[in-house]
Amino acid sequence: MSDSPLAPAAAVRETLEAAPREKLPMTYQDVADTLGLQPPRTIQRVAQALEDTMREDAAQARPFIAALVVSRRAPHMPARGFFELAVELGRFPADNSLHAQAWREEYQRVLATHK
């Protein structure tokens, strides 16, 4: 899928499902590199694909696999868009002060289903 206009949700999901547990969480850059994406907007394309997986997961009542992807900058959590969409999808509380804990819980739910 190198240099495709969008990183499809299926390719991102496959990458995360195949990642060994000790390689998790992955950064947005790790995902882009694994998918062979080339600039420009590699991180933006990964983020869009992750948002697509979140919509799919919400529709199927699954944990957000996107919780396995974090920023390489401290505090090493998903980007703001992850939290905004999680709130919009009704899975996270609107109160920003509760987001870190909600993400940690979601991360553990995903790991519990990780092969």
Protein backbone atom coordinates (compact mmCIF):
# COMPACT_ATOMS: atom_id res chain seq x y z
CA MET A 1 0.00 0.00 0.00
CA SER A 2 2.99 2.26 -0.19
CA ASP A 3 2.25 5.80 -1.20
CA SER A 4 -1.50 5.26 -1.48
CA PRO A 5 -3.59 8.39 -0.98
CA LEU A 6 -5.09 7.00 2.24
CA ALA A 7 -3.94 4.34 4.64
CA PRO A 8 -6.97 2.06 4.60
CA ALA A 9 -8.40 1.06 7.93
CA ALA A 10 -8.04 -2.61 7.02
CA ALA A 11 -4.28 -2.27 6.48
CA VAL A 12 -3.84 -0.40 9.75
CA ARG A 13 -5.97 -2.96 11.61
CA GLU A 14 -3.95 -5.81 10.10
CA THR A 15 -0.69 -4.12 11.12
CA LEU A 16 -1.85 -3.67 14.71
CA GLU A 17 -3.29 -7.18 14.98
CA ALA A 18 -0.02 -8.65 13.70
CA ALA A 19 2.21 -6.59 16.00
CA PRO A 20 3.88 -8.61 18.74
CA ARG A 21 2.67 -7.58 22.18
CA GLU A 22 6.17 -6.41 23.14
CA LYS A 23 6.09 -3.91 20.23
CA LEU A 24 2.93 -2.26 21.56
CA PRO A 25 1.98 0.46 21.74
CA MET A 26 3.15 1.56 18.31
CA THR A 27 3.65 5.19 17.39
CA TYR A 28 1.88 6.82 14.47
CA GLN A 29 5.29 6.89 12.74
CA ASP A 30 5.81 3.15 13.41
CA VAL A 31 2.51 2.41 11.71
CA ALA A 32 3.34 4.67 8.75
CA ASP A 33 6.74 3.01 8.38
CA THR A 34 5.28 -0.50 8.62
CA LEU A 35 2.78 0.39 5.90
CA GLY A 36 5.50 1.91 3.72
CA LEU A 37 3.80 5.29 3.54
CA GLN A 38 5.79 8.15 2.05
CA PRO A 39 5.38 11.87 2.78
CA PRO A 40 3.50 14.11 2.57
CA ARG A 41 0.88 13.72 5.31
CA THR A 42 1.88 10.21 6.41
CA ILE A 43 0.79 10.74 10.01
CA GLN A 44 -2.44 12.40 8.89
CA ARG A 45 -3.24 9.38 6.69
CA VAL A 46 -2.54 6.99 9.55
CA ALA A 47 -4.72 9.06 11.89
CA GLN A 48 -7.58 9.05 9.37
CA ALA A 49 -7.36 5.28 8.99
CA LEU A 50 -7.30 4.89 12.78
CA GLU A 51 -10.44 7.01 13.05
CA ASP A 52 -12.07 4.72 10.50
CA THR A 53 -11.17 1.69 12.65
CA MET A 54 -12.69 3.45 15.66
CA ARG A 55 -15.99 3.90 13.82
CA GLU A 56 -15.91 0.23 12.77
CA ASP A 57 -15.08 -0.90 16.31
CA ALA A 58 -17.83 1.23 17.83
CA ALA A 59 -20.36 -0.20 15.36
CA GLN A 60 -19.27 -3.74 16.28
CA ALA A 61 -19.02 -3.03 20.05
CA ARG A 62 -15.30 -3.93 20.02
CA PRO A 63 -12.51 -2.19 21.92
CA PHE A 64 -10.81 0.53 19.87
CA ILE A 65 -7.76 -1.07 18.24
CA ALA A 66 -6.64 2.52 17.63
CA ALA A 67 -5.83 2.67 21.37
CA LEU A 68 -2.66 0.75 20.51
CA VAL A 69 -1.21 3.77 18.68
CA VAL A 70 0.38 6.65 20.56
CA SER A 71 2.33 9.82 19.94
CA ARG A 72 6.09 9.53 20.22
CA ARG A 73 6.01 12.72 22.31
CA ALA A 74 5.26 12.58 26.00
CA PRO A 75 2.91 11.63 27.52
CA HIS A 76 2.90 8.86 24.87
CA MET A 77 -0.85 8.67 24.45
CA PRO A 78 -3.03 8.88 21.35
CA ALA A 79 -3.44 12.25 19.68
CA ARG A 80 -6.30 14.57 20.59
CA GLY A 81 -8.38 13.37 17.63
CA PHE A 82 -8.56 9.89 19.17
CA PHE A 83 -10.13 11.27 22.33
CA GLU A 84 -12.46 13.63 20.47
CA LEU A 85 -13.80 10.79 18.34
CA ALA A 86 -14.06 8.43 21.32
CA VAL A 87 -16.25 11.03 23.04
CA GLU A 88 -18.27 11.61 19.86
CA LEU A 89 -18.84 7.85 19.54
CA GLY A 90 -20.09 7.73 23.13
CA ARG A 91 -17.27 5.55 24.41
CA PHE A 92 -15.28 8.07 26.48
CA PRO A 93 -16.51 10.67 28.96
CA ALA A 94 -16.63 14.28 27.76
CA ASP A 95 -14.52 15.37 30.76
CA ASN A 96 -10.93 15.71 29.49
CA SER A 97 -9.54 14.96 32.94
CA LEU A 98 -10.89 11.41 32.62
CA HIS A 99 -9.41 10.71 29.18
CA ALA A 100 -6.04 9.29 30.25
CA GLN A 101 -7.68 6.71 32.51
CA ALA A 102 -10.31 5.88 29.88
CA TRP A 103 -7.53 5.32 27.33
CA ARG A 104 -5.55 3.08 29.71
CA GLU A 105 -8.66 0.97 30.28
CA GLU A 106 -9.38 0.79 26.55
CA TYR A 107 -5.75 -0.18 25.89
CA GLN A 108 -6.07 -3.07 28.36
CA ARG A 109 -9.35 -4.20 26.74
CA VAL A 110 -7.63 -4.32 23.35
CA LEU A 111 -4.68 -6.26 24.77
CA ALA A 112 -7.09 -8.77 26.29
CA THR A 113 -8.35 -9.54 22.77
CA HIS A 114 -4.90 -9.35 21.10
CA LYS A 115 -3.75 -12.66 19.67
